[in-house]
Protein backbone atom coordinates (compact mmCIF):
# COMPACT_ATOMS: atom_id res chain seq x y z
CA MET A 1 72.46 104.53 92.30
CA TYR A 2 73.31 100.83 92.49
CA ASP A 3 75.19 101.03 89.18
CA VAL A 4 77.31 103.90 90.50
CA CYS A 5 78.24 101.86 93.56
CA GLN A 6 79.18 98.88 91.40
CA LEU A 7 81.32 101.09 89.17
CA ALA A 8 83.06 102.66 92.16
CA THR A 9 83.77 99.23 93.64
CA ALA A 10 85.15 97.94 90.34
CA MET A 11 87.37 101.01 89.93
CA LEU A 12 88.66 100.59 93.47
CA ALA A 13 89.44 96.91 92.85
CA ILE A 14 91.28 97.75 89.62
CA ALA A 15 93.29 100.51 91.30
CA PHE A 16 94.19 98.25 94.23
CA THR A 17 95.32 95.48 91.89
CA ALA A 18 97.44 97.92 89.88
CA VAL A 19 99.12 99.24 93.03
CA LEU A 20 99.89 95.70 94.20
CA MET A 21 101.37 94.74 90.83
CA ILE A 22 103.54 97.86 90.61
CA SER A 23 104.80 97.60 94.18
CA GLY A 24 105.49 93.88 93.76
CA GLN A 25 107.48 94.52 90.60
CA ARG A 26 109.52 97.25 92.31
CA PHE A 27 110.14 94.98 95.28
CA ILE A 28 111.42 92.19 93.03
CA GLU A 29 113.67 94.61 91.13
CA TYR A 30 115.02 95.98 94.40
CA ARG A 31 115.79 92.48 95.68
CA LEU A 32 117.52 91.53 92.44
CA GLN A 33 119.64 94.69 92.40
CA HIS A 34 120.89 94.09 95.91
CA GLU A 35 121.43 90.37 95.30
CA ALA A 36 119.54 89.51 98.46
CA MET A 37 118.82 85.82 98.43
CA THR A 38 115.89 84.46 100.35
CA PRO A 39 116.76 81.76 102.90
CA ILE A 40 115.06 79.08 100.78
CA VAL A 41 117.18 79.96 97.75
CA ALA A 42 120.31 80.12 99.89
CA MET A 43 119.55 76.69 101.35
CA ALA A 44 118.94 75.24 97.88
CA THR A 45 122.23 76.71 96.70
CA LEU A 46 124.13 75.18 99.61
CA ALA A 47 122.53 71.77 99.06
CA ARG A 48 124.25 71.17 95.72
């Protein structure tokens, strides 16, 4: 029984990590497509 719980926890952790990686990648692609600059990048660009 303990092994089943460990396996379920590991599978849940792997699935959660995969969802975070995929959503993070899509968020980055969305930001790059819409050329939305973060305030830090905009400030660094103005400082030149």
